[in-house]
C-alpha atoms as a PDB file:
ATOM      1  CA  MET A   1      13.465  24.445 -11.641  1.00  0.00           C
ATOM      2  CA  ALA A   2      16.324  24.127  -8.760  1.00  0.00           C
ATOM      3  CA  GLY A   3      19.092  26.704  -8.483  1.00  0.00           C
ATOM      4  CA  VAL A   4      22.873  26.479  -8.115  1.00  0.00           C
ATOM      5  CA  SER A   5      22.209  26.032  -4.235  1.00  0.00           C
ATOM      6  CA  ASP A   6      19.486  24.044  -4.340  1.00  0.00           C
ATOM      7  CA  LEU A   7      21.241  21.599  -6.618  1.00  0.00           C
ATOM      8  CA  ALA A   8      24.303  21.074  -4.101  1.00  0.00           C
ATOM      9  CA  ASN A   9      21.752  20.498  -0.956  1.00  0.00           C
ATOM     10  CA  ILE A  10      20.033  18.011  -3.443  1.00  0.00           C
ATOM     11  CA  GLU A  11      23.901  16.464  -3.707  1.00  0.00           C
ATOM     12  CA  LEU A  12      24.501  16.461  -0.316  1.00  0.00           C
ATOM     13  CA  ARG A  13      21.388  14.739   1.103  1.00  0.00           C
ATOM     14  CA  THR A  14      21.615  12.414  -1.583  1.00  0.00           C
ATOM     15  CA  ASP A  15      25.173  11.960  -0.161  1.00  0.00           C
ATOM     16  CA  THR A  16      22.978  10.571   3.080  1.00  0.00           C
ATOM     17  CA  MET A  17      21.173   8.075   1.863  1.00  0.00           C
ATOM     18  CA  ALA A  18      22.521   4.592   2.119  1.00  0.00           C
ATOM     19  CA  THR A  19      24.427   3.443  -0.624  1.00  0.00           C
ATOM     20  CA  ALA A  20      23.401   0.082  -0.008  1.00  0.00           C
ATOM     21  CA  GLU A  21      19.715   1.137  -0.488  1.00  0.00           C
ATOM     22  CA  VAL A  22      19.960   3.021  -3.536  1.00  0.00           C
ATOM     23  CA  GLY A  23      21.680   0.188  -5.031  1.00  0.00           C
ATOM     24  CA  TYR A  24      19.215  -2.308  -3.694  1.00  0.00           C
ATOM     25  CA  ILE A  25      16.504   0.008  -5.489  1.00  0.00           C
ATOM     26  CA  ARG A  26      18.413   0.328  -8.585  1.00  0.00           C
ATOM     27  CA  ILE A  27      18.708  -3.238  -9.114  1.00  0.00           C
ATOM     28  CA  GLN A  28      14.674  -3.606  -8.218  1.00  0.00           C
ATOM     29  CA  LEU A  29      14.066  -1.281 -10.552  1.00  0.00           C
ATOM     30  CA  GLU A  30      16.115  -2.678 -13.345  1.00  0.00           C
ATOM     31  CA  GLU A  31      14.295  -6.263 -13.136  1.00  0.00           C
ATOM     32  CA  ARG A  32      10.977  -4.661 -13.159  1.00  0.00           C
ATOM     33  CA  ARG A  33      11.837  -2.804 -16.342  1.00  0.00           C
ATOM     34  CA  ALA A  34      13.283  -6.123 -17.794  1.00  0.00           C
ATOM     35  CA  ARG A  35       9.744  -7.637 -16.914  1.00  0.00           C
ATOM     36  CA  LEU A  36       7.560  -4.770 -18.316  1.00  0.00           C
ATOM     37  CA  VAL A  37       9.763  -5.164 -21.737  1.00  0.00           C
ATOM     38  CA  GLU A  38       8.726  -8.652 -21.684  1.00  0.00           C
ATOM     39  CA  ALA A  39       5.101  -7.720 -21.179  1.00  0.00           C
ATOM     40  CA  THR A  40       5.313  -4.975 -23.879  1.00  0.00           C
ATOM     41  CA  HIS A  41       6.207  -7.741 -26.812  1.00  0.00           C
ATOM     42  CA  VAL A  42       3.474  -9.797 -25.755  1.00  0.00           C
ATOM     43  CA  LEU A  43       1.147  -6.742 -25.566  1.00  0.00           C
ATOM     44  CA  PRO A  44       3.073  -3.931 -27.386  1.00  0.00           C
ATOM     45  CA  ALA A  45      -0.278  -1.506 -27.935  1.00  0.00           C
ATOM     46  CA  ASP A  46      -0.783  -0.898 -23.766  1.00  0.00           C
ATOM     47  CA  ALA A  47      -0.352   2.492 -23.043  1.00  0.00           C
ATOM     48  CA  ALA A  48      -0.227   1.469 -18.951  1.00  0.00           C
ATOM     49  CA  LEU A  49       2.960  -0.621 -19.915  1.00  0.00           C
ATOM     50  CA  ALA A  50       4.611   2.090 -21.919  1.00  0.00           C
ATOM     51  CA  GLU A  51       3.927   4.639 -19.503  1.00  0.00           C
ATOM     52  CA  LEU A  52       4.744   2.447 -16.590  1.00  0.00           C
ATOM     53  CA  THR A  53       8.202   1.670 -18.330  1.00  0.00           C
ATOM     54  CA  ALA A  54       8.782   5.732 -18.796  1.00  0.00           C
ATOM     55  CA  LYS A  55       8.389   5.820 -15.335  1.00  0.00           C
ATOM     56  CA  VAL A  56      11.136   3.418 -14.228  1.00  0.00           C
ATOM     57  CA  ASP A  57      13.245   4.580 -16.512  1.00  0.00           C
ATOM     58  CA  GLU A  58      12.790   8.409 -15.311  1.00  0.00           C
ATOM     59  CA  ALA A  59      13.693   6.798 -11.679  1.00  0.00           C
ATOM     60  CA  LEU A  60      16.619   5.113 -13.042  1.00  0.00           C
ATOM     61  CA  ALA A  61      17.809   8.225 -14.588  1.00  0.00           C
ATOM     62  CA  ARG A  62      17.624  10.230 -11.425  1.00  0.00           C
ATOM     63  CA  ILE A  63      19.789   7.538  -9.422  1.00  0.00           C
ATOM     64  CA  GLU A  64      22.531   8.497 -12.547  1.00  0.00           C
ATOM     65  CA  ALA A  65      22.064  12.071 -11.685  1.00  0.00           C
ATOM     66  CA  GLY A  66      22.009  11.645  -8.154  1.00  0.00           C
ATOM     67  CA  THR A  67      18.931  13.196  -7.799  1.00  0.00           C
ATOM     68  CA  TYR A  68      16.783   9.957  -6.659  1.00  0.00           C
ATOM     69  CA  GLY A  69      15.209  10.126  -3.392  1.00  0.00           C
ATOM     70  CA  ILE A  70      14.460  13.663  -3.425  1.00  0.00           C
ATOM     71  CA  CYS A  71      11.033  15.287  -3.389  1.00  0.00           C
ATOM     72  CA  GLU A  72      10.686  17.334  -6.783  1.00  0.00           C
ATOM     73  CA  THR A  73       8.755  20.215  -4.620  1.00  0.00           C
ATOM     74  CA  CYS A  74      10.701  21.127  -1.735  1.00  0.00           C
ATOM     75  CA  HIS A  75      14.026  19.085  -2.674  1.00  0.00           C
ATOM     76  CA  GLU A  76      13.696  17.458   1.134  1.00  0.00           C
ATOM     77  CA  THR A  77      14.686  13.806   1.721  1.00  0.00           C
ATOM     78  CA  ILE A  78      11.589  11.563   0.670  1.00  0.00           C
ATOM     79  CA  GLU A  79      10.685   9.161   3.414  1.00  0.00           C
ATOM     80  CA  SER A  80      13.239   5.837   2.973  1.00  0.00           C
ATOM     81  CA  ASP A  81      10.271   3.641   3.726  1.00  0.00           C
ATOM     82  CA  ARG A  82       8.039   5.031   1.143  1.00  0.00           C
ATOM     83  CA  LEU A  83      10.815   4.533  -1.471  1.00  0.00           C
ATOM     84  CA  ILE A  84      11.842   1.163  -0.270  1.00  0.00           C
ATOM     85  CA  ALA A  85       7.473   0.227  -0.921  1.00  0.00           C
ATOM     86  CA  ASP A  86       7.160   2.412  -4.025  1.00  0.00           C
ATOM     87  CA  PRO A  87      10.652   2.890  -5.847  1.00  0.00           C
ATOM     88  CA  LEU A  88       8.956   5.348  -8.027  1.00  0.00           C
ATOM     89  CA  VAL A  89       7.703   8.024  -5.327  1.00  0.00           C
ATOM     90  CA  ARG A  90       8.533  11.566  -6.062  1.00  0.00           C
ATOM     91  CA  LEU A  91       7.330  13.876  -3.714  1.00  0.00           C
ATOM     92  CA  CYS A  92       7.498  13.689   0.161  1.00  0.00           C
ATOM     93  CA  LEU A  93       3.807  12.843   2.280  1.00  0.00           C
ATOM     94  CA  ASP A  94       3.972  17.110   2.714  1.00  0.00           C
ATOM     95  CA  HIS A  95       3.938  17.393  -1.099  1.00  0.00           C
ATOM     96  CA  LEU A  96       1.138  14.740  -2.063  1.00  0.00           C
ATOM     97  CA  THR A  97      -1.677  16.074  -3.788  1.00  0.00           C
ATOM     98  CA  PRO A  98      -5.087  15.715  -1.998  1.00  0.00           C
ATOM     99  CA  ALA A  99      -5.862  12.759  -3.953  1.00  0.00           C
ATOM    100  CA  GLU A 100      -2.623  11.475  -3.446  1.00  0.00           C
ATOM    101  CA  SER A 101      -2.995  11.888   0.415  1.00  0.00           C
ATOM    102  CA  ARG A 102      -6.508   9.944   0.548  1.00  0.00           C
ATOM    103  CA  ALA A 103      -5.340   7.244  -1.605  1.00  0.00           C
ATOM    104  CA  LEU A 104      -1.894   6.901   0.801  1.00  0.00           C
ATOM    105  CA  GLU A 105      -4.175   6.934   3.645  1.00  0.00           C
ATOM    106  CA  SER A 106      -6.956   4.298   2.084  1.00  0.00           C
ATOM    107  CA  ASP A 107      -3.841   1.973   1.620  1.00  0.00           C
ATOM    108  CA  LEU A 108      -2.408   2.359   5.168  1.00  0.00           C
ATOM    109  CA  GLU A 109      -6.050   1.723   6.309  1.00  0.00           C
ATOM    110  CA  LEU A 110      -6.195  -1.624   4.368  1.00  0.00           C
ATOM    111  CA  ALA A 111      -2.904  -2.437   5.296  1.00  0.00           C
ATOM    112  CA  SER A 112      -3.517  -1.719   9.087  1.00  0.00           C
ATOM    113  CA  ARG A 113      -6.661  -4.203   8.853  1.00  0.00           C
ATOM    114  CA  ILE A 114      -4.634  -6.981   6.819  1.00  0.00           C
ATOM    115  CA  GLN A 115      -1.973  -6.654  10.042  1.00  0.00           C
ATOM    116  CA  ARG A 116      -4.760  -6.502  12.548  1.00  0.00           C
ATOM    117  CA  GLY A 117      -6.367  -9.766  10.757  1.00  0.00           C
ATOM    118  CA  LEU A 118      -3.006 -11.501  11.302  1.00  0.00           C
ATOM    119  CA  LEU A 119      -2.861 -11.756  14.692  1.00  0.00           C
ATOM    120  CA  PRO A 120      -3.414 -14.613  17.194  1.00  0.00           C
ATOM    121  CA  PRO A 121      -6.484 -14.541  19.465  1.00  0.00           C
ATOM    122  CA  GLN A 122      -5.448 -12.175  22.506  1.00  0.00           C
ATOM    123  CA  ASP A 123      -6.109 -15.035  24.751  1.00  0.00           C
ATOM    124  CA  MET A 124      -4.954 -18.370  24.586  1.00  0.00           C
ATOM    125  CA  GLN A 125      -4.820 -21.618  26.570  1.00  0.00           C
ATOM    126  CA  ALA A 126      -2.653 -24.513  25.335  1.00  0.00           C
ATOM    127  CA  ALA A 127      -0.591 -27.294  26.470  1.00  0.00           C
ATOM    128  CA  GLY A 128      -1.075 -26.315  30.457  1.00  0.00           C
ATOM    129  CA  TRP A 129      -0.227 -22.462  29.310  1.00  0.00           C
ATOM    130  CA  GLN A 130      -1.983 -19.517  29.347  1.00  0.00           C
ATOM    131  CA  ALA A 131      -0.967 -16.219  27.110  1.00  0.00           C
ATOM    132  CA  HIS A 132      -2.199 -12.653  26.796  1.00  0.00           C
ATOM    133  CA  TYR A 133      -0.750 -10.103  24.845  1.00  0.00           C
ATOM    134  CA  HIS A 134      -0.777  -6.225  24.676  1.00  0.00           C
ATOM    135  CA  TYR A 135      -0.708  -4.464  20.798  1.00  0.00           C
ATOM    136  CA  ALA A 136      -0.707  -0.884  19.860  1.00  0.00           C
ATOM    137  CA  PRO A 137       0.727   0.627  16.936  1.00  0.00           C
ATOM    138  CA  ALA A 138       2.153   3.691  17.302  1.00  0.00           C
ATOM    139  CA  SER A 139       0.518   4.650  13.323  1.00  0.00           C
ATOM    140  CA  LEU A 140      -2.220   3.014  11.236  1.00  0.00           C
ATOM    141  CA  VAL A 141       0.936   0.116  10.193  1.00  0.00           C
ATOM    142  CA  SER A 142       3.089  -1.370  12.719  1.00  0.00           C
ATOM    143  CA  GLY A 143       6.425  -2.851  12.883  1.00  0.00           C
ATOM    144  CA  ASP A 144       5.988  -5.235  15.721  1.00  0.00           C
ATOM    145  CA  TYR A 145       5.479  -9.042  14.760  1.00  0.00           C
ATOM    146  CA  LEU A 146       3.209 -11.201  17.454  1.00  0.00           C
ATOM    147  CA  ASP A 147       2.409 -14.893  17.338  1.00  0.00           C
ATOM    148  CA  LEU A 148       0.835 -18.051  19.275  1.00  0.00           C
ATOM    149  CA  ILE A 149       0.494 -21.049  17.112  1.00  0.00           C
ATOM    150  CA  GLU A 150      -0.537 -24.248  18.780  1.00  0.00           C
ATOM    151  CA  LEU A 151       0.879 -27.280  17.370  1.00  0.00           C
ATOM    152  CA  ASN A 152      -0.700 -30.301  15.761  1.00  0.00           C
ATOM    153  CA  ASP A 153       2.005 -32.585  15.417  1.00  0.00           C
ATOM    154  CA  GLY A 154       0.971 -34.492  18.990  1.00  0.00           C
ATOM    155  CA  SER A 155       3.506 -33.112  21.077  1.00  0.00           C
ATOM    156  CA  ASP A 156       1.177 -30.705  23.039  1.00  0.00           C
ATOM    157  CA  SER A 157       3.007 -27.550  22.822  1.00  0.00           C
ATOM    158  CA  PHE A 158       2.891 -24.090  21.012  1.00  0.00           C
ATOM    159  CA  VAL A 159       5.150 -21.718  19.335  1.00  0.00           C
ATOM    160  CA  PHE A 160       5.371 -18.149  20.524  1.00  0.00           C
ATOM    161  CA  ALA A 161       7.016 -15.317  18.878  1.00  0.00           C
ATOM    162  CA  LEU A 162       7.135 -11.346  19.249  1.00  0.00           C
ATOM    163  CA  GLY A 163       9.522  -9.854  16.931  1.00  0.00           C
ATOM    164  CA  ASP A 164      10.355  -6.246  16.161  1.00  0.00           C
ATOM    165  CA  ALA A 165      11.810  -4.500  12.622  1.00  0.00           C
ATOM    166  CA  SER A 166      14.016  -2.079  12.165  1.00  0.00           C
ATOM    167  CA  GLY A 167      12.940   1.276  10.918  1.00  0.00           C
ATOM    168  CA  LYS A 168       9.083   2.282  11.455  1.00  0.00           C
ATOM    169  CA  GLY A 169       6.620   2.662   8.721  1.00  0.00           C
ATOM    170  CA  VAL A 170       5.385   0.821   5.370  1.00  0.00           C
ATOM    171  CA  ALA A 171       9.174  -0.638   5.195  1.00  0.00           C
ATOM    172  CA  ALA A 172       9.239  -2.279   8.665  1.00  0.00           C
ATOM    173  CA  SER A 173       5.641  -3.285   8.259  1.00  0.00           C
ATOM    174  CA  MET A 174       6.364  -5.186   5.200  1.00  0.00           C
ATOM    175  CA  LEU A 175       8.684  -6.715   7.019  1.00  0.00           C
ATOM    176  CA  MET A 176       6.769  -8.251   9.472  1.00  0.00           C
ATOM    177  CA  THR A 177       4.336  -9.326   7.347  1.00  0.00           C
ATOM    178  CA  GLN A 178       6.894 -11.282   5.600  1.00  0.00           C
ATOM    179  CA  MET A 179       8.296 -12.692   8.880  1.00  0.00           C
ATOM    180  CA  HIS A 180       4.464 -13.803   9.677  1.00  0.00           C
ATOM    181  CA  ALA A 181       4.435 -15.588   6.375  1.00  0.00           C
ATOM    182  CA  VAL A 182       7.701 -17.349   6.508  1.00  0.00           C
ATOM    183  CA  LEU A 183       7.099 -18.451  10.164  1.00  0.00           C
ATOM    184  CA  ARG A 184       4.234 -19.660   9.724  1.00  0.00           C
ATOM    185  CA  SER A 185       5.061 -21.569   6.844  1.00  0.00           C
ATOM    186  CA  LEU A 186       7.808 -23.603   8.205  1.00  0.00           C
ATOM    187  CA  ILE A 187       6.275 -24.281  11.549  1.00  0.00           C
ATOM    188  CA  SER A 188       3.558 -26.128   9.209  1.00  0.00           C
ATOM    189  CA  VAL A 189       6.165 -28.593   8.112  1.00  0.00           C
ATOM    190  CA  GLY A 190       7.507 -29.598  11.952  1.00  0.00           C
ATOM    191  CA  MET A 191      10.458 -28.283  11.107  1.00  0.00           C
ATOM    192  CA  PRO A 192      13.039 -28.039  14.237  1.00  0.00           C
ATOM    193  CA  LEU A 193      12.981 -24.872  15.700  1.00  0.00           C
ATOM    194  CA  ALA A 194      16.487 -24.009  15.735  1.00  0.00           C
ATOM    195  CA  GLN A 195      16.780 -24.946  11.578  1.00  0.00           C
ATOM    196  CA  LEU A 196      13.935 -23.234  11.162  1.00  0.00           C
ATOM    197  CA  LEU A 197      15.439 -20.005  12.346  1.00  0.00           C
ATOM    198  CA  VAL A 198      18.691 -20.615  10.159  1.00  0.00           C
ATOM    199  CA  ARG A 199      15.972 -21.004   7.189  1.00  0.00           C
ATOM    200  CA  ALA A 200      13.791 -17.985   8.158  1.00  0.00           C
ATOM    201  CA  ASN A 201      17.214 -15.925   8.178  1.00  0.00           C
ATOM    202  CA  HIS A 202      18.192 -17.013   4.568  1.00  0.00           C
ATOM    203  CA  LEU A 203      15.081 -16.221   3.501  1.00  0.00           C
ATOM    204  CA  LEU A 204      14.725 -12.848   5.229  1.00  0.00           C
ATOM    205  CA  CYS A 205      18.355 -11.864   4.051  1.00  0.00           C
ATOM    206  CA  GLU A 206      16.868 -12.883   0.539  1.00  0.00           C
ATOM    207  CA  GLY A 207      13.830 -10.295   0.514  1.00  0.00           C
ATOM    208  CA  ALA A 208      14.271  -7.944   2.572  1.00  0.00           C
ATOM    209  CA  SER A 209      15.288  -4.493   1.482  1.00  0.00           C
ATOM    210  CA  ALA A 210      19.280  -3.349   2.287  1.00  0.00           C
ATOM    211  CA  GLY A 211      19.777  -2.354   5.464  1.00  0.00           C
ATOM    212  CA  GLN A 212      16.816  -3.978   6.526  1.00  0.00           C
ATOM    213  CA  TYR A 213      16.707  -6.434   9.751  1.00  0.00           C
ATOM    214  CA  ALA A 214      14.309  -7.667  12.556  1.00  0.00           C
ATOM    215  CA  THR A 215      15.061  -8.729  16.311  1.00  0.00           C
ATOM    216  CA  LEU A 216      13.040 -11.956  17.056  1.00  0.00           C
ATOM    217  CA  VAL A 217      12.280 -13.916  20.407  1.00  0.00           C
ATOM    218  CA  VAL A 218      10.771 -17.164  19.270  1.00  0.00           C
ATOM    219  CA  GLY A 219      10.265 -20.318  21.646  1.00  0.00           C
ATOM    220  CA  LYS A 220       8.346 -23.717  22.105  1.00  0.00           C
ATOM    221  CA  ALA A 221       6.684 -24.140  24.984  1.00  0.00           C
ATOM    222  CA  THR A 222       5.663 -27.937  26.231  1.00  0.00           C
ATOM    223  CA  ALA A 223       3.076 -29.009  28.818  1.00  0.00           C
ATOM    224  CA  SER A 224       5.966 -30.539  30.704  1.00  0.00           C
ATOM    225  CA  GLY A 225       6.806 -26.483  31.418  1.00  0.00           C
ATOM    226  CA  GLN A 226      10.275 -26.750  29.201  1.00  0.00           C
ATOM    227  CA  VAL A 227      10.714 -23.939  26.654  1.00  0.00           C
ATOM    228  CA  GLU A 228      13.185 -24.062  23.900  1.00  0.00           C
ATOM    229  CA  LEU A 229      14.015 -20.505  23.481  1.00  0.00           C
ATOM    230  CA  ALA A 230      16.108 -18.654  20.970  1.00  0.00           C
ATOM    231  CA  SER A 231      16.310 -14.586  20.803  1.00  0.00           C
ATOM    232  CA  ALA A 232      17.749 -13.022  17.729  1.00  0.00           C
ATOM    233  CA  GLY A 233      18.915  -9.769  18.881  1.00  0.00           C
ATOM    234  CA  HIS A 234      16.191  -9.251  20.630  1.00  0.00           C
ATOM    235  CA  TRP A 235      15.319  -7.416  24.183  1.00  0.00           C
ATOM    236  CA  PRO A 236      15.810  -9.447  27.476  1.00  0.00           C
ATOM    237  CA  SER A 237      12.793 -11.464  27.966  1.00  0.00           C
ATOM    238  CA  LEU A 238      11.968 -11.578  31.536  1.00  0.00           C
ATOM    239  CA  TRP A 239      11.824 -15.402  33.505  1.00  0.00           C
ATOM    240  CA  VAL A 240       9.289 -14.213  36.480  1.00  0.00           C
ATOM    241  CA  ARG A 241       9.939 -16.821  39.044  1.00  0.00           C
ATOM    242  CA  ARG A 242       8.380 -16.425  42.466  1.00  0.00           C
ATOM    243  CA  ASP A 243      11.580 -14.967  44.266  1.00  0.00           C
ATOM    244  CA  ALA A 244      13.467 -13.331  41.717  1.00  0.00           C
ATOM    245  CA  VAL A 245      13.243 -12.220  37.909  1.00  0.00           C
ATOM    246  CA  GLU A 246      15.475 -13.215  35.588  1.00  0.00           C
ATOM    247  CA  GLN A 247      16.650 -11.487  32.465  1.00  0.00           C
ATOM    248  CA  ILE A 248      16.959 -14.321  29.469  1.00  0.00           C
ATOM    249  CA  GLY A 249      19.490 -12.210  27.226  1.00  0.00           C
ATOM    250  CA  SER A 250      20.206 -12.515  23.311  1.00  0.00           C
ATOM    251  CA  THR A 251      21.296 -15.632  21.959  1.00  0.00           C
ATOM    252  CA  GLY A 252      22.328 -14.505  18.600  1.00  0.00           C
ATOM    253  CA  LEU A 253      22.198 -11.262  15.800  1.00  0.00           C
ATOM    254  CA  PRO A 254      19.258 -10.152  14.497  1.00  0.00           C
ATOM    255  CA  LEU A 255      17.246 -11.708  11.177  1.00  0.00           C
ATOM    256  CA  GLY A 256      18.292 -10.399   7.739  1.00  0.00           C
ATOM    257  CA  MET A 257      21.935  -9.174   8.729  1.00  0.00           C
ATOM    258  CA  PHE A 258      24.049 -11.713   7.795  1.00  0.00           C
ATOM    259  CA  CYS A 259      22.970 -14.770   5.582  1.00  0.00           C
ATOM    260  CA  GLU A 260      24.986 -17.059   6.934  1.00  0.00           C
ATOM    261  CA  MET A 261      24.173 -17.423  10.921  1.00  0.00           C
ATOM    262  CA  GLN A 262      23.301 -19.984  13.581  1.00  0.00           C
ATOM    263  CA  LEU A 263      21.219 -19.249  16.502  1.00  0.00           C
ATOM    264  CA  ASN A 264      21.871 -20.930  20.095  1.00  0.00           C
ATOM    265  CA  MET A 265      18.800 -22.371  21.921  1.00  0.00           C
ATOM    266  CA  ARG A 266      18.150 -21.948  25.402  1.00  0.00           C
ATOM    267  CA  THR A 267      15.894 -24.378  27.160  1.00  0.00           C
ATOM    268  CA  LEU A 268      14.146 -22.918  30.802  1.00  0.00           C
ATOM    269  CA  SER A 269      11.760 -25.276  32.859  1.00  0.00           C
ATOM    270  CA  LEU A 270       8.976 -23.408  34.245  1.00  0.00           C
ATOM    271  CA  ALA A 271       7.112 -23.975  37.409  1.00  0.00           C
ATOM    272  CA  PRO A 272       3.239 -23.775  37.661  1.00  0.00           C
ATOM    273  CA  GLY A 273       2.465 -19.903  38.182  1.00  0.00           C
ATOM    274  CA  GLU A 274       6.031 -19.012  36.804  1.00  0.00           C
ATOM    275  CA  MET A 275       5.636 -16.245  33.491  1.00  0.00           C
ATOM    276  CA  LEU A 276       7.545 -15.473  30.341  1.00  0.00           C
ATOM    277  CA  VAL A 277       7.463 -11.637  29.301  1.00  0.00           C
ATOM    278  CA  LEU A 278       8.455 -10.541  25.822  1.00  0.00           C
ATOM    279  CA  TYR A 279       8.148  -7.113  25.076  1.00  0.00           C
ATOM    280  CA  SER A 280       9.254  -4.790  22.229  1.00  0.00           C
ATOM    281  CA  ASP A 281      11.580  -2.002  22.510  1.00  0.00           C
ATOM    282  CA  GLY A 282       8.335   0.337  22.307  1.00  0.00           C
ATOM    283  CA  ILE A 283       7.882  -0.344  25.872  1.00  0.00           C
ATOM    284  CA  SER A 284      11.263  -0.363  27.317  1.00  0.00           C
ATOM    285  CA  GLU A 285      12.273   2.728  25.708  1.00  0.00           C
ATOM    286  CA  GLN A 286       9.075   5.097  26.071  1.00  0.00           C
ATOM    287  CA  GLN A 287      10.020   8.321  27.746  1.00  0.00           C
ATOM    288  CA  ASN A 288       8.218  10.272  30.184  1.00  0.00           C
ATOM    289  CA  PRO A 289       7.847  14.288  28.986  1.00  0.00           C
ATOM    290  CA  SER A 290      11.303  14.804  31.015  1.00  0.00           C
ATOM    291  CA  GLY A 291      12.988  11.829  28.736  1.00  0.00           C
ATOM    292  CA  VAL A 292      13.605   9.007  30.995  1.00  0.00           C
ATOM    293  CA  GLU A 293      13.109   6.216  29.543  1.00  0.00           C
ATOM    294  CA  PHE A 294      10.533   3.352  31.077  1.00  0.00           C
ATOM    295  CA  GLY A 295      13.153   1.132  31.570  1.00  0.00           C
ATOM    296  CA  ILE A 296      13.861  -2.893  31.738  1.00  0.00           C
ATOM    297  CA  PRO A 297      14.316  -2.402  35.451  1.00  0.00           C
ATOM    298  CA  ARG A 298      10.843  -0.781  35.889  1.00  0.00           C
ATOM    299  CA  LEU A 299       9.369  -3.560  33.780  1.00  0.00           C
ATOM    300  CA  ALA A 300      10.879  -6.206  36.274  1.00  0.00           C
ATOM    301  CA  GLU A 301       9.306  -4.473  39.110  1.00  0.00           C
ATOM    302  CA  ILE A 302       6.250  -4.870  37.636  1.00  0.00           C
ATOM    303  CA  ALA A 303       6.398  -8.143  37.039  1.00  0.00           C
ATOM    304  CA  ALA A 304       7.649  -9.319  40.344  1.00  0.00           C
ATOM    305  CA  ALA A 305       4.824  -7.724  42.042  1.00  0.00           C
ATOM    306  CA  HIS A 306       2.565 -10.001  39.693  1.00  0.00           C
ATOM    307  CA  HIS A 307       4.034 -13.175  40.281  1.00  0.00           C
ATOM    308  CA  GLY A 308       1.220 -15.821  40.434  1.00  0.00           C
ATOM    309  CA  ARG A 309      -1.222 -13.833  39.034  1.00  0.00           C
ATOM    310  CA  ALA A 310      -2.959 -13.884  35.651  1.00  0.00           C
ATOM    311  CA  PRO A 311      -1.257 -12.917  32.601  1.00  0.00           C
ATOM    312  CA  HIS A 312      -4.054 -10.326  31.672  1.00  0.00           C
ATOM    313  CA  GLU A 313      -3.843  -8.896  34.831  1.00  0.00           C
ATOM    314  CA  PHE A 314       0.036  -8.410  34.342  1.00  0.00           C
ATOM    315  CA  THR A 315      -0.613  -6.694  30.974  1.00  0.00           C
ATOM    316  CA  ALA A 316      -3.291  -4.547  32.423  1.00  0.00           C
ATOM    317  CA  ALA A 317      -0.854  -3.204  35.285  1.00  0.00           C
ATOM    318  CA  CYS A 318       2.149  -2.803  33.193  1.00  0.00           C
ATOM    319  CA  ILE A 319       0.146  -1.006  30.443  1.00  0.00           C
ATOM    320  CA  ALA A 320      -1.419   1.314  33.441  1.00  0.00           C
ATOM    321  CA  GLN A 321       1.678   2.007  34.635  1.00  0.00           C
ATOM    322  CA  LEU A 322       3.447   2.873  31.447  1.00  0.00           C
ATOM    323  CA  LYS A 323       0.741   5.190  30.450  1.00  0.00           C
ATOM    324  CA  ALA A 324       1.230   6.944  33.777  1.00  0.00           C
ATOM    325  CA  PHE A 325       4.829   7.065  33.353  1.00  0.00           C
ATOM    326  CA  GLN A 326       4.289   8.472  29.539  1.00  0.00           C
ATOM    327  CA  SER A 327       2.336  11.277  30.902  1.00  0.00           C
ATOM    328  CA  HIS A 328       1.455  13.768  27.532  1.00  0.00           C
ATOM    329  CA  ALA A 329       4.544  12.662  25.821  1.00  0.00           C
ATOM    330  CA  PRO A 330       4.022  10.920  22.685  1.00  0.00           C
ATOM    331  CA  GLN A 331       3.741   6.938  21.950  1.00  0.00           C
ATOM    332  CA  SER A 332       7.432   6.816  19.878  1.00  0.00           C
ATOM    333  CA  ASP A 333       7.616   3.368  18.874  1.00  0.00           C
ATOM    334  CA  ASP A 334       4.980   0.227  18.672  1.00  0.00           C
ATOM    335  CA  GLN A 335       4.347  -1.389  21.859  1.00  0.00           C
ATOM    336  CA  SER A 336       3.743  -5.026  22.406  1.00  0.00           C
ATOM    337  CA  VAL A 337       3.939  -7.025  25.501  1.00  0.00           C
ATOM    338  CA  LEU A 338       3.174 -10.478  24.853  1.00  0.00           C
ATOM    339  CA  VAL A 339       2.990 -12.507  28.628  1.00  0.00           C
ATOM    340  CA  LEU A 340       2.932 -16.607  29.242  1.00  0.00           C
ATOM    341  CA  GLN A 341       2.199 -18.637  32.507  1.00  0.00           C
ATOM    342  CA  ARG A 342       2.718 -22.070  32.987  1.00  0.00           C
ATOM    343  CA  LEU A 343      -0.823 -23.363  34.888  1.00  0.00           C
ATOM    344  CA  SER A 344       0.432 -26.870  35.656  1.00  0.00           C
END
């Protein structure tokens, strides 16, 4: 049982948890309890339902007591992404039993396979464009979202997207999986890009956990070289031209921050051989052993040196230089790069 000093520390650490996040979890637990009660009326003798209801009640009691989200073994804060994914968690990762650790690792490996299964082909040619990407999660699951979708509406065009969820781990990967489903569904019904983003933002606001949001670059490229582009709070895209590399900045706030939000669209016209380079902050913010970031200027220099080269050649050079720069420093975040080049 925790002593007085332990309880004081627990209360202090609990105060550091986002109030909105705990409030969100409370609502989720109350909704789940109501569903369990309904199910119990149908199956009154089901012991598993009764046990699950008791666990939900215990979690709600911990919220009332101010001890929710605190490991019952070491009294340290439980990982927030695990609480969002499973609000009944009572132990931090360091104090799972061997069986629980094996089960968690198995779940993460399955989630990783599912995520990779959602990725598009690594090389794609469509509408007079070619595309190639690099995708390297920092752990088993990733908070990066990457997609290429050839349209079948007779417009001779395709949609591309690269996004990054706030935070890391399971919660970020769940948000990115949700993003994939939302965008794919809206694109399939032929919704215009600007309207699609407004609707996607609404859906993410309604479905995401408190405090979760995602930056996103999404565009539609046509055979004429026109690109309709929007950036929801994401890092600048690089427009690689013959004599310059232009940074295309954000046109709005990240998705999921505010339900009522508009994103401005930009229209670019790329000449044959020109490229668009999209990337996640795992590239630009990767540090070397001295704590220096790779940075956008370094990425732009590599892009300028590869004007007119195939996307896979630029990507390979970029990652090679990133790894050389990174040296023995650990990969701090998911790393994704998407390169699109107009062929004709």
